């Protein structure tokens, strides 16, 4: 079955809804053109076409007088965040993360990294930090590829360079945000995103 990717969907969520491991879907020969177009399985664009194969069943022979454990590949998935404020990492910071109603508590590591287990089809997370009265909403699966304007705007905004909207229109606010990033990273300023900017943006953002 070939499906049309909708906003908020990614390979993990679509594979999970079909009862499949995400690599089974992503590495299928029918998706070779999509893999060439999108380097990352969890940064697809709405309208992309993804082939989802039928499930294949197999039998496993085991003794009847013993306990056996079977693990589903790809479950759980991982949510990884790197938390920074004005370039400074939030090390050893207590957090409360609520993913689709499930509450997770923990502490970032020395590098300000948060790494938790989530279901592969999780849709939304809300993050609260110790000493911060605010709440941050994370829309899982909504990140567009960095080759798309929305993908650039989302990465800039999440890095603290607000484009004042993730709307696919690279206007003066998006340009100002991009050029501020370029200044902070000691890059040459450009009027529009180029390949150098996209590569550096992925490095800074992590994907």
N, C-alpha and C. Protein backbone atom coordinates (compact mmCIF):
# COMPACT_ATOMS: atom_id res chain seq x y z
N UNK A 1 0.85 -1.19 0.00
CA UNK A 1 0.00 0.00 0.00
C UNK A 1 0.88 1.24 0.00
N UNK A 2 0.57 2.18 -0.86
CA UNK A 2 1.29 3.45 -0.89
C UNK A 2 0.40 4.51 -0.28
N UNK A 3 0.93 5.22 0.72
CA UNK A 3 0.13 6.24 1.40
C UNK A 3 0.74 7.62 1.16
N UNK A 4 -0.08 8.63 1.28
CA UNK A 4 0.36 10.01 1.17
C UNK A 4 0.59 10.55 2.57
N UNK A 5 1.80 11.00 2.84
CA UNK A 5 2.16 11.48 4.17
C UNK A 5 1.38 12.76 4.49
N UNK A 6 0.81 12.80 5.68
CA UNK A 6 0.07 13.96 6.16
C UNK A 6 0.93 14.72 7.18
N UNK A 7 0.54 15.97 7.49
CA UNK A 7 1.24 16.75 8.51
C UNK A 7 1.25 15.95 9.82
N UNK A 8 2.41 15.90 10.46
CA UNK A 8 2.53 15.21 11.74
C UNK A 8 2.85 13.73 11.62
N UNK A 9 2.96 13.22 10.40
CA UNK A 9 3.29 11.81 10.22
C UNK A 9 4.75 11.65 9.82
N UNK A 10 5.33 10.53 10.24
CA UNK A 10 6.70 10.20 9.87
C UNK A 10 6.78 8.69 9.69
N UNK A 11 7.95 8.20 9.33
CA UNK A 11 8.09 6.77 9.07
C UNK A 11 7.80 5.96 10.33
N UNK A 12 8.26 6.43 11.50
CA UNK A 12 8.02 5.69 12.74
C UNK A 12 6.54 5.53 13.02
N UNK A 13 5.79 6.62 12.91
CA UNK A 13 4.37 6.56 13.24
C UNK A 13 3.59 5.75 12.22
N UNK A 14 3.92 5.90 10.94
CA UNK A 14 3.20 5.15 9.90
C UNK A 14 3.52 3.66 9.98
N UNK A 15 4.77 3.33 10.27
CA UNK A 15 5.14 1.92 10.41
C UNK A 15 4.46 1.31 11.63
N UNK A 16 4.41 2.06 12.74
CA UNK A 16 3.77 1.55 13.95
C UNK A 16 2.29 1.29 13.74
N UNK A 17 1.62 2.18 13.01
CA UNK A 17 0.19 2.00 12.77
C UNK A 17 -0.09 0.77 11.91
N UNK A 18 0.90 0.35 11.12
CA UNK A 18 0.76 -0.85 10.28
C UNK A 18 1.30 -2.09 10.98
N UNK A 19 1.81 -1.94 12.21
CA UNK A 19 2.35 -3.07 12.94
C UNK A 19 3.70 -3.53 12.42
N UNK A 20 4.49 -2.58 11.88
CA UNK A 20 5.77 -2.93 11.28
C UNK A 20 6.92 -2.18 11.95
N UNK A 21 8.11 -2.72 11.82
CA UNK A 21 9.33 -2.05 12.25
C UNK A 21 9.65 -0.97 11.22
N UNK A 22 10.08 0.21 11.70
CA UNK A 22 10.25 1.34 10.79
C UNK A 22 11.28 1.07 9.70
N UNK A 23 12.35 0.31 10.03
CA UNK A 23 13.37 0.03 9.01
C UNK A 23 12.82 -0.88 7.91
N UNK A 24 11.86 -1.74 8.26
CA UNK A 24 11.22 -2.59 7.26
C UNK A 24 10.53 -1.74 6.20
N UNK A 25 9.92 -0.66 6.64
CA UNK A 25 9.23 0.26 5.72
C UNK A 25 10.23 1.13 4.97
N UNK A 26 11.10 1.80 5.73
CA UNK A 26 12.01 2.78 5.13
C UNK A 26 12.97 2.14 4.12
N UNK A 27 13.45 0.94 4.41
CA UNK A 27 14.44 0.30 3.54
C UNK A 27 13.82 -0.56 2.44
N UNK A 28 12.51 -0.55 2.32
CA UNK A 28 11.86 -1.33 1.26
C UNK A 28 12.27 -0.76 -0.11
N UNK A 29 12.53 -1.63 -1.08
CA UNK A 29 12.94 -1.16 -2.42
C UNK A 29 11.97 -0.16 -3.03
N UNK A 30 10.68 -0.27 -2.72
CA UNK A 30 9.69 0.67 -3.27
C UNK A 30 9.91 2.09 -2.77
N UNK A 31 10.67 2.26 -1.68
CA UNK A 31 10.90 3.59 -1.13
C UNK A 31 12.28 4.14 -1.46
N UNK A 32 12.94 3.56 -2.43
CA UNK A 32 14.30 4.00 -2.80
C UNK A 32 14.31 5.45 -3.28
N UNK A 33 13.32 5.85 -4.05
CA UNK A 33 13.28 7.23 -4.54
C UNK A 33 13.05 8.21 -3.40
N UNK A 34 12.20 7.83 -2.43
CA UNK A 34 11.96 8.70 -1.29
C UNK A 34 13.20 8.81 -0.41
N UNK A 35 13.93 7.72 -0.24
CA UNK A 35 15.17 7.76 0.55
C UNK A 35 16.20 8.68 -0.09
N UNK A 36 16.23 8.69 -1.42
CA UNK A 36 17.17 9.57 -2.13
C UNK A 36 16.77 11.03 -1.97
N UNK A 37 15.47 11.28 -1.84
CA UNK A 37 14.96 12.64 -1.72
C UNK A 37 15.04 13.15 -0.29
N UNK A 38 14.72 12.29 0.67
CA UNK A 38 14.70 12.66 2.10
C UNK A 38 15.75 11.85 2.84
N UNK A 39 16.75 12.50 3.35
CA UNK A 39 17.83 11.78 4.01
C UNK A 39 17.39 11.17 5.34
N UNK A 40 16.38 11.74 5.99
CA UNK A 40 16.00 11.31 7.34
C UNK A 40 14.57 10.81 7.35
N UNK A 41 14.35 9.62 7.87
CA UNK A 41 13.01 9.02 7.85
C UNK A 41 11.98 9.76 8.69
N UNK A 42 12.43 10.57 9.64
CA UNK A 42 11.48 11.25 10.50
C UNK A 42 11.37 12.74 10.21
N UNK A 43 11.81 13.12 9.01
CA UNK A 43 11.63 14.49 8.55
C UNK A 43 11.09 14.42 7.12
N UNK A 44 9.83 14.04 7.04
CA UNK A 44 9.15 13.95 5.74
C UNK A 44 8.31 15.19 5.52
N UNK A 45 7.91 15.40 4.28
CA UNK A 45 7.06 16.53 3.92
C UNK A 45 5.67 16.02 3.60
N UNK A 46 4.66 16.76 4.05
CA UNK A 46 3.29 16.40 3.70
C UNK A 46 3.17 16.31 2.18
N UNK A 47 2.60 15.22 1.72
CA UNK A 47 2.48 14.98 0.28
C UNK A 47 3.46 13.95 -0.23
N UNK A 48 4.50 13.65 0.55
CA UNK A 48 5.43 12.58 0.16
C UNK A 48 4.66 11.25 0.08
N UNK A 49 5.12 10.38 -0.80
CA UNK A 49 4.47 9.07 -0.98
C UNK A 49 5.36 8.00 -0.38
N UNK A 50 4.80 7.23 0.56
CA UNK A 50 5.54 6.19 1.26
C UNK A 50 4.86 4.85 1.05
N UNK A 51 5.65 3.86 0.63
CA UNK A 51 5.11 2.51 0.46
C UNK A 51 5.20 1.77 1.78
N UNK A 52 4.07 1.21 2.22
CA UNK A 52 3.99 0.44 3.46
C UNK A 52 3.61 -0.99 3.09
N UNK A 53 4.54 -1.94 3.23
CA UNK A 53 4.24 -3.33 2.81
C UNK A 53 3.27 -4.01 3.79
N UNK A 54 2.71 -5.10 3.33
CA UNK A 54 1.87 -5.91 4.22
C UNK A 54 2.74 -6.59 5.26
N UNK A 55 2.13 -6.88 6.39
CA UNK A 55 2.86 -7.60 7.43
C UNK A 55 3.10 -9.05 7.02
N UNK A 56 4.28 -9.53 7.33
CA UNK A 56 4.60 -10.94 7.08
C UNK A 56 4.67 -11.65 8.43
N UNK A 57 3.98 -12.75 8.54
CA UNK A 57 3.94 -13.49 9.81
C UNK A 57 4.92 -14.66 9.75
N UNK A 58 5.46 -14.99 10.92
CA UNK A 58 6.36 -16.14 11.00
C UNK A 58 6.07 -16.91 12.29
N UNK A 59 6.49 -18.12 12.30
CA UNK A 59 6.30 -18.97 13.48
C UNK A 59 7.63 -19.19 14.18
N UNK A 60 7.57 -19.23 15.50
CA UNK A 60 8.75 -19.51 16.32
C UNK A 60 8.45 -20.73 17.19
N UNK A 61 9.30 -21.72 17.13
CA UNK A 61 9.10 -22.92 17.94
C UNK A 61 9.84 -22.78 19.27
N UNK A 62 9.11 -22.96 20.36
CA UNK A 62 9.68 -22.86 21.69
C UNK A 62 9.10 -23.97 22.58
N UNK A 63 9.85 -24.33 23.60
CA UNK A 63 9.39 -25.35 24.52
C UNK A 63 8.20 -24.88 25.33
N UNK A 64 7.32 -25.81 25.72
CA UNK A 64 6.10 -25.44 26.43
C UNK A 64 6.31 -25.35 27.93
N UNK A 65 7.44 -25.79 28.45
CA UNK A 65 7.66 -25.78 29.88
C UNK A 65 8.65 -24.71 30.32
N UNK A 66 8.75 -23.64 29.55
CA UNK A 66 9.65 -22.54 29.88
C UNK A 66 9.01 -21.23 29.48
N UNK A 67 9.50 -20.14 30.08
CA UNK A 67 9.01 -18.80 29.73
C UNK A 67 9.88 -18.24 28.60
N UNK A 68 9.25 -17.56 27.68
CA UNK A 68 9.97 -16.99 26.54
C UNK A 68 9.57 -15.53 26.38
N UNK A 69 10.53 -14.70 26.07
CA UNK A 69 10.27 -13.28 25.90
C UNK A 69 10.49 -12.89 24.44
N UNK A 70 9.53 -12.18 23.87
CA UNK A 70 9.63 -11.68 22.51
C UNK A 70 9.53 -10.15 22.56
N UNK A 71 10.42 -9.49 21.86
CA UNK A 71 10.45 -8.02 21.85
C UNK A 71 10.12 -7.50 20.45
N UNK A 72 9.25 -6.50 20.41
CA UNK A 72 8.91 -5.87 19.13
C UNK A 72 9.99 -4.87 18.76
N UNK A 73 10.54 -5.00 17.56
CA UNK A 73 11.57 -4.08 17.10
C UNK A 73 10.98 -2.67 16.98
N UNK A 74 11.78 -1.69 17.38
CA UNK A 74 11.35 -0.30 17.25
C UNK A 74 10.47 0.19 18.38
N UNK A 75 10.21 -0.66 19.38
CA UNK A 75 9.38 -0.26 20.51
C UNK A 75 10.18 -0.49 21.79
N UNK A 76 10.44 0.56 22.59
CA UNK A 76 9.99 1.92 22.34
C UNK A 76 10.92 2.67 21.39
N UNK A 77 10.46 3.84 20.98
CA UNK A 77 11.32 4.76 20.24
C UNK A 77 12.00 5.68 21.25
N UNK A 78 12.89 6.54 20.78
CA UNK A 78 13.60 7.45 21.66
C UNK A 78 13.30 8.89 21.29
N UNK A 79 13.09 9.72 22.31
CA UNK A 79 12.98 11.17 22.13
C UNK A 79 14.23 11.78 22.74
N UNK A 80 15.02 12.45 21.91
CA UNK A 80 16.27 13.05 22.38
C UNK A 80 16.23 14.55 22.13
N UNK A 81 16.49 15.31 23.18
CA UNK A 81 16.52 16.77 23.10
C UNK A 81 17.81 17.28 23.71
N UNK A 82 18.30 18.39 23.17
CA UNK A 82 19.44 19.08 23.78
C UNK A 82 18.94 20.46 24.19
N UNK A 83 18.97 20.73 25.49
CA UNK A 83 18.38 21.95 26.04
C UNK A 83 19.45 23.01 26.28
N UNK A 84 19.23 24.19 25.69
CA UNK A 84 20.16 25.30 25.86
C UNK A 84 19.37 26.60 26.02
N UNK A 85 19.94 27.53 26.74
CA UNK A 85 19.40 28.88 26.87
C UNK A 85 20.53 29.86 26.57
N UNK A 86 20.34 30.66 25.51
CA UNK A 86 21.36 31.62 25.07
C UNK A 86 22.72 30.96 24.90
N UNK A 87 22.70 29.78 24.35
CA UNK A 87 23.93 29.07 24.06
C UNK A 87 24.48 28.26 25.21
N UNK A 88 23.92 28.41 26.40
CA UNK A 88 24.39 27.67 27.57
C UNK A 88 23.53 26.43 27.78
N UNK A 89 24.19 25.28 27.95
CA UNK A 89 23.44 24.04 28.13
C UNK A 89 22.78 24.01 29.51
N UNK A 90 21.61 23.40 29.58
CA UNK A 90 20.90 23.24 30.84
C UNK A 90 21.28 21.89 31.44
N UNK A 91 22.43 21.86 32.08
CA UNK A 91 22.95 20.62 32.65
C UNK A 91 22.28 20.31 33.99
N UNK A 92 22.09 19.02 34.27
CA UNK A 92 21.55 18.56 35.56
C UNK A 92 20.29 19.32 35.96
N UNK A 93 19.39 19.47 35.01
CA UNK A 93 18.14 20.20 35.23
C UNK A 93 16.97 19.23 35.30
N UNK A 94 16.20 19.30 36.37
CA UNK A 94 15.04 18.44 36.51
C UNK A 94 13.98 18.80 35.47
N UNK A 95 13.31 17.79 34.93
CA UNK A 95 12.27 18.06 33.95
C UNK A 95 11.07 17.14 34.20
N UNK A 96 9.92 17.60 33.71
CA UNK A 96 8.71 16.79 33.65
C UNK A 96 8.27 16.79 32.20
N UNK A 97 8.20 15.63 31.60
CA UNK A 97 7.80 15.49 30.20
C UNK A 97 6.53 14.66 30.16
N UNK A 98 5.48 15.24 29.58
CA UNK A 98 4.21 14.52 29.45
C UNK A 98 3.99 14.20 27.98
N UNK A 99 4.02 12.91 27.65
CA UNK A 99 3.90 12.47 26.25
C UNK A 99 2.56 11.76 26.07
N UNK A 100 1.68 12.39 25.31
CA UNK A 100 0.33 11.83 25.09
C UNK A 100 -0.32 11.41 26.41
N UNK A 101 -0.17 12.27 27.42
CA UNK A 101 -0.79 12.02 28.72
C UNK A 101 0.04 11.21 29.69
N UNK A 102 1.16 10.63 29.23
CA UNK A 102 2.02 9.81 30.10
C UNK A 102 3.14 10.68 30.67
N UNK A 103 3.24 10.75 32.00
CA UNK A 103 4.19 11.64 32.68
C UNK A 103 5.53 10.95 32.91
N UNK A 104 6.60 11.64 32.52
CA UNK A 104 7.96 11.14 32.69
C UNK A 104 8.76 12.21 33.42
N UNK A 105 9.47 11.83 34.48
CA UNK A 105 10.33 12.78 35.19
C UNK A 105 11.77 12.33 35.06
N UNK A 106 12.68 13.28 35.13
CA UNK A 106 14.09 12.96 35.02
C UNK A 106 14.95 14.18 35.14
N UNK A 107 16.20 14.05 34.73
CA UNK A 107 17.17 15.14 34.82
C UNK A 107 18.07 15.09 33.59
N UNK A 108 18.37 16.26 33.04
CA UNK A 108 19.28 16.30 31.89
C UNK A 108 20.69 15.92 32.34
N UNK A 109 21.51 15.48 31.39
CA UNK A 109 22.89 15.11 31.73
C UNK A 109 23.79 16.35 31.72
N UNK A 110 25.08 16.14 31.82
CA UNK A 110 26.02 17.27 31.89
C UNK A 110 26.04 18.09 30.61
N UNK A 111 25.59 17.49 29.52
CA UNK A 111 25.56 18.21 28.26
C UNK A 111 24.20 18.84 27.96
N UNK A 112 23.29 18.77 28.93
CA UNK A 112 21.96 19.33 28.72
C UNK A 112 21.06 18.45 27.87
N UNK A 113 21.40 17.17 27.77
CA UNK A 113 20.65 16.25 26.93
C UNK A 113 19.56 15.52 27.71
N UNK A 114 18.44 15.37 27.06
CA UNK A 114 17.29 14.62 27.58
C UNK A 114 17.07 13.45 26.64
N UNK A 115 16.96 12.25 27.18
CA UNK A 115 16.82 11.05 26.35
C UNK A 115 15.84 10.12 27.05
N UNK A 116 14.63 9.98 26.47
CA UNK A 116 13.59 9.16 27.11
C UNK A 116 12.96 8.22 26.09
N UNK A 117 12.33 7.17 26.59
CA UNK A 117 11.61 6.21 25.75
C UNK A 117 10.19 6.70 25.52
N UNK A 118 9.71 6.60 24.29
CA UNK A 118 8.33 6.96 23.96
C UNK A 118 7.80 5.94 22.96
N UNK A 119 6.49 5.91 22.78
CA UNK A 119 5.91 5.06 21.76
C UNK A 119 6.21 5.65 20.38
N UNK A 120 6.41 4.80 19.38
CA UNK A 120 6.78 5.31 18.05
C UNK A 120 5.71 6.16 17.38
N UNK A 121 4.45 6.04 17.83
CA UNK A 121 3.40 6.86 17.23
C UNK A 121 2.96 8.00 18.15
N UNK A 122 3.81 8.37 19.13
CA UNK A 122 3.49 9.49 20.00
C UNK A 122 3.33 10.77 19.17
N UNK A 123 2.35 11.59 19.54
CA UNK A 123 2.03 12.76 18.73
C UNK A 123 2.43 14.08 19.36
N UNK A 124 2.40 14.17 20.69
CA UNK A 124 2.66 15.46 21.33
C UNK A 124 3.31 15.26 22.69
N UNK A 125 4.22 16.14 23.02
CA UNK A 125 4.86 16.13 24.33
C UNK A 125 4.84 17.54 24.90
N UNK A 126 4.72 17.63 26.22
CA UNK A 126 4.77 18.92 26.91
C UNK A 126 5.90 18.85 27.92
N UNK A 127 6.77 19.85 27.87
CA UNK A 127 7.98 19.86 28.69
C UNK A 127 7.94 21.01 29.68
N UNK A 128 8.23 20.70 30.95
CA UNK A 128 8.39 21.71 32.00
C UNK A 128 9.74 21.50 32.65
N UNK A 129 10.42 22.61 32.98
CA UNK A 129 11.76 22.56 33.56
C UNK A 129 11.76 23.20 34.93
N UNK A 130 12.61 22.67 35.79
CA UNK A 130 12.76 23.23 37.13
C UNK A 130 13.19 24.70 37.04
N UNK A 131 12.49 25.55 37.76
CA UNK A 131 12.83 26.97 37.78
C UNK A 131 12.28 27.76 36.62
N UNK A 132 11.53 27.11 35.75
CA UNK A 132 10.94 27.79 34.59
C UNK A 132 9.43 27.64 34.67
N UNK A 133 8.74 28.77 34.70
CA UNK A 133 7.28 28.72 34.85
C UNK A 133 6.58 28.33 33.56
N UNK A 134 7.30 28.33 32.45
CA UNK A 134 6.67 28.05 31.17
C UNK A 134 6.52 26.57 30.88
N UNK A 135 5.73 26.27 29.85
CA UNK A 135 5.54 24.91 29.36
C UNK A 135 5.78 24.93 27.86
N UNK A 136 6.54 23.96 27.39
CA UNK A 136 6.91 23.91 25.98
C UNK A 136 6.21 22.72 25.32
N UNK A 137 5.50 23.00 24.24
CA UNK A 137 4.78 21.96 23.53
C UNK A 137 5.61 21.48 22.34
N UNK A 138 5.81 20.19 22.25
CA UNK A 138 6.58 19.59 21.17
C UNK A 138 5.64 18.78 20.29
N UNK A 139 5.56 19.14 19.02
CA UNK A 139 4.70 18.41 18.08
C UNK A 139 5.57 17.37 17.37
N UNK A 140 5.45 16.14 17.81
CA UNK A 140 6.33 15.07 17.33
C UNK A 140 5.94 14.65 15.92
N UNK A 141 6.94 14.53 15.08
CA UNK A 141 6.70 14.10 13.70
C UNK A 141 6.40 15.23 12.73
N UNK A 142 6.40 16.48 13.22
CA UNK A 142 6.01 17.60 12.38
C UNK A 142 7.19 18.31 11.71
N UNK A 143 8.41 17.88 11.95
CA UNK A 143 9.57 18.57 11.40
C UNK A 143 9.73 18.26 9.92
N UNK A 144 9.70 19.30 9.09
CA UNK A 144 9.90 19.14 7.66
C UNK A 144 11.39 18.97 7.35
N UNK A 145 11.73 18.43 6.18
CA UNK A 145 13.14 18.33 5.77
C UNK A 145 13.78 19.72 5.73
N UNK A 146 15.08 19.77 5.93
CA UNK A 146 15.79 21.05 5.93
C UNK A 146 15.83 21.67 4.53
N UNK A 147 15.51 20.89 3.52
CA UNK A 147 15.44 21.42 2.16
C UNK A 147 14.18 22.26 1.94
N UNK A 148 13.23 22.17 2.87
CA UNK A 148 11.98 22.92 2.76
C UNK A 148 12.04 24.17 3.64
N UNK A 149 11.35 25.23 3.20
CA UNK A 149 11.34 26.48 3.96
C UNK A 149 10.81 26.27 5.37
N UNK A 150 9.74 25.49 5.52
CA UNK A 150 9.20 25.23 6.85
C UNK A 150 10.21 24.49 7.72
N UNK A 151 10.99 23.61 7.12
CA UNK A 151 12.01 22.89 7.87
C UNK A 151 13.09 23.82 8.39
N UNK A 152 13.48 24.80 7.58
CA UNK A 152 14.46 25.80 8.00
C UNK A 152 13.87 26.68 9.10
N UNK A 153 12.64 27.14 8.90
CA UNK A 153 12.00 28.01 9.89
C UNK A 153 11.84 27.30 11.24
N UNK A 154 11.45 26.03 11.22
CA UNK A 154 11.26 25.29 12.47
C UNK A 154 12.57 25.12 13.22
N UNK A 155 13.64 24.79 12.50
CA UNK A 155 14.93 24.61 13.16
C UNK A 155 15.45 25.93 13.73
N UNK A 156 15.31 27.01 12.97
CA UNK A 156 15.74 28.32 13.47
C UNK A 156 14.96 28.69 14.73
N UNK A 157 13.64 28.52 14.68
CA UNK A 157 12.78 28.88 15.82
C UNK A 157 13.14 28.06 17.05
N UNK A 158 13.32 26.75 16.86
CA UNK A 158 13.62 25.88 18.00
C UNK A 158 15.01 26.13 18.57
N UNK A 159 15.90 26.72 17.77
CA UNK A 159 17.23 27.08 18.26
C UNK A 159 17.24 28.45 18.93
N UNK A 160 16.08 29.11 18.96
CA UNK A 160 15.97 30.42 19.61
C UNK A 160 16.02 31.60 18.68
N UNK A 161 15.98 31.36 17.37
CA UNK A 161 16.00 32.43 16.37
C UNK A 161 14.61 32.50 15.74
N UNK A 162 13.71 33.20 16.37
CA UNK A 162 12.31 33.18 15.96
C UNK A 162 12.10 33.78 14.57
N UNK A 163 11.37 33.03 13.75
CA UNK A 163 11.01 33.52 12.42
C UNK A 163 9.60 34.12 12.42
N UNK A 164 9.00 34.14 13.62
CA UNK A 164 7.65 34.68 13.80
C UNK A 164 6.62 33.98 12.92
N UNK A 165 6.75 32.68 12.86
CA UNK A 165 5.80 31.88 12.10
C UNK A 165 6.52 30.83 11.27
N UNK A 166 5.95 29.64 11.24
CA UNK A 166 6.47 28.55 10.40
C UNK A 166 5.43 28.33 9.32
N UNK A 167 5.51 29.16 8.28
CA UNK A 167 4.45 29.23 7.29
C UNK A 167 4.90 28.94 5.87
N UNK A 168 6.19 28.65 5.68
CA UNK A 168 6.68 28.37 4.34
C UNK A 168 6.99 29.60 3.51
N UNK A 169 6.85 30.80 4.12
CA UNK A 169 7.14 32.06 3.42
C UNK A 169 8.43 32.64 3.99
N UNK A 170 9.50 32.58 3.23
CA UNK A 170 10.79 33.06 3.72
C UNK A 170 10.88 34.57 3.49
N UNK A 171 10.25 35.32 4.41
CA UNK A 171 10.23 36.77 4.32
C UNK A 171 11.28 37.42 5.19
N UNK A 172 11.05 38.70 5.54
CA UNK A 172 12.07 39.46 6.27
C UNK A 172 12.34 38.91 7.67
N UNK A 173 11.30 38.39 8.34
CA UNK A 173 11.51 37.84 9.69
C UNK A 173 12.37 36.58 9.65
N UNK A 174 12.10 35.74 8.67
CA UNK A 174 12.91 34.52 8.52
C UNK A 174 14.34 34.87 8.12
N UNK A 175 14.48 35.85 7.24
CA UNK A 175 15.82 36.27 6.81
C UNK A 175 16.60 36.85 7.99
N UNK A 176 15.93 37.66 8.81
CA UNK A 176 16.59 38.24 9.97
C UNK A 176 17.05 37.16 10.95
N UNK A 177 16.19 36.18 11.19
CA UNK A 177 16.54 35.07 12.08
C UNK A 177 17.73 34.30 11.54
N UNK A 178 17.71 34.01 10.24
CA UNK A 178 18.80 33.27 9.61
C UNK A 178 20.10 34.04 9.72
N UNK A 179 20.06 35.33 9.45
CA UNK A 179 21.28 36.13 9.46
C UNK A 179 21.82 36.33 10.87
N UNK A 180 20.95 36.33 11.86
CA UNK A 180 21.42 36.39 13.25
C UNK A 180 22.16 35.11 13.61
N UNK A 181 21.62 33.97 13.18
CA UNK A 181 22.32 32.71 13.37
C UNK A 181 23.67 32.72 12.67
N UNK A 182 23.68 33.18 11.43
CA UNK A 182 24.93 33.24 10.67
C UNK A 182 25.96 34.12 11.37
N UNK A 183 25.51 35.23 11.94
CA UNK A 183 26.42 36.12 12.67
C UNK A 183 26.98 35.42 13.90
N UNK A 184 26.10 34.74 14.67
CA UNK A 184 26.54 34.06 15.89
C UNK A 184 27.52 32.94 15.59
N UNK A 185 27.35 32.30 14.43
CA UNK A 185 28.23 31.19 14.06
C UNK A 185 29.41 31.64 13.19
N UNK A 186 29.52 32.98 13.04
CA UNK A 186 30.62 33.56 12.25
C UNK A 186 30.61 33.04 10.82
N UNK A 187 29.40 33.00 10.25
CA UNK A 187 29.24 32.60 8.86
C UNK A 187 28.99 33.83 8.00
N UNK A 188 29.25 33.71 6.71
CA UNK A 188 28.93 34.79 5.79
C UNK A 188 27.42 34.92 5.66
N UNK A 189 26.91 36.15 5.72
CA UNK A 189 25.47 36.36 5.61
C UNK A 189 25.01 36.17 4.17
N UNK A 190 23.85 35.58 4.02
CA UNK A 190 23.24 35.40 2.69
C UNK A 190 21.81 35.91 2.73
N UNK A 191 21.29 36.24 1.57
CA UNK A 191 19.91 36.72 1.49
C UNK A 191 18.91 35.59 1.58
N UNK A 192 19.32 34.41 1.11
CA UNK A 192 18.46 33.23 1.12
C UNK A 192 19.26 32.02 1.63
N UNK A 193 18.59 31.00 2.13
CA UNK A 193 19.31 29.81 2.58
C UNK A 193 20.07 29.16 1.43
N UNK A 194 21.29 28.72 1.71
CA UNK A 194 22.05 27.97 0.72
C UNK A 194 22.47 26.64 1.34
N UNK A 195 23.22 25.84 0.60
CA UNK A 195 23.57 24.52 1.08
C UNK A 195 24.47 24.59 2.32
N UNK A 196 25.33 25.60 2.37
CA UNK A 196 26.20 25.76 3.54
C UNK A 196 25.36 26.02 4.78
N UNK A 197 24.36 26.89 4.65
CA UNK A 197 23.47 27.19 5.78
C UNK A 197 22.69 25.96 6.20
N UNK A 198 22.16 25.22 5.25
CA UNK A 198 21.37 24.03 5.58
C UNK A 198 22.23 23.00 6.32
N UNK A 199 23.46 22.78 5.83
CA UNK A 199 24.35 21.82 6.48
C UNK A 199 24.66 22.24 7.91
N UNK A 200 24.96 23.52 8.11
CA UNK A 200 25.29 23.99 9.46
C UNK A 200 24.06 23.96 10.37
N UNK A 201 22.90 24.23 9.81
CA UNK A 201 21.68 24.22 10.60
C UNK A 201 21.39 22.80 11.11
N UNK A 202 21.60 21.82 10.27
CA UNK A 202 21.41 20.42 10.69
C UNK A 202 22.41 20.07 11.78
N UNK A 203 23.65 20.54 11.65
CA UNK A 203 24.67 20.26 12.66
C UNK A 203 24.28 20.86 14.01
N UNK A 204 23.81 22.11 13.99
CA UNK A 204 23.43 22.79 15.23
C UNK A 204 22.18 22.17 15.84
N UNK A 205 21.24 21.80 15.01
CA UNK A 205 19.96 21.28 15.50
C UNK A 205 20.03 19.81 15.90
N UNK A 206 20.88 19.10 15.19
CA UNK A 206 21.02 17.67 15.49
C UNK A 206 20.34 16.75 14.50
N UNK A 207 19.53 17.31 13.61
CA UNK A 207 18.89 16.50 12.57
C UNK A 207 18.33 17.41 11.49
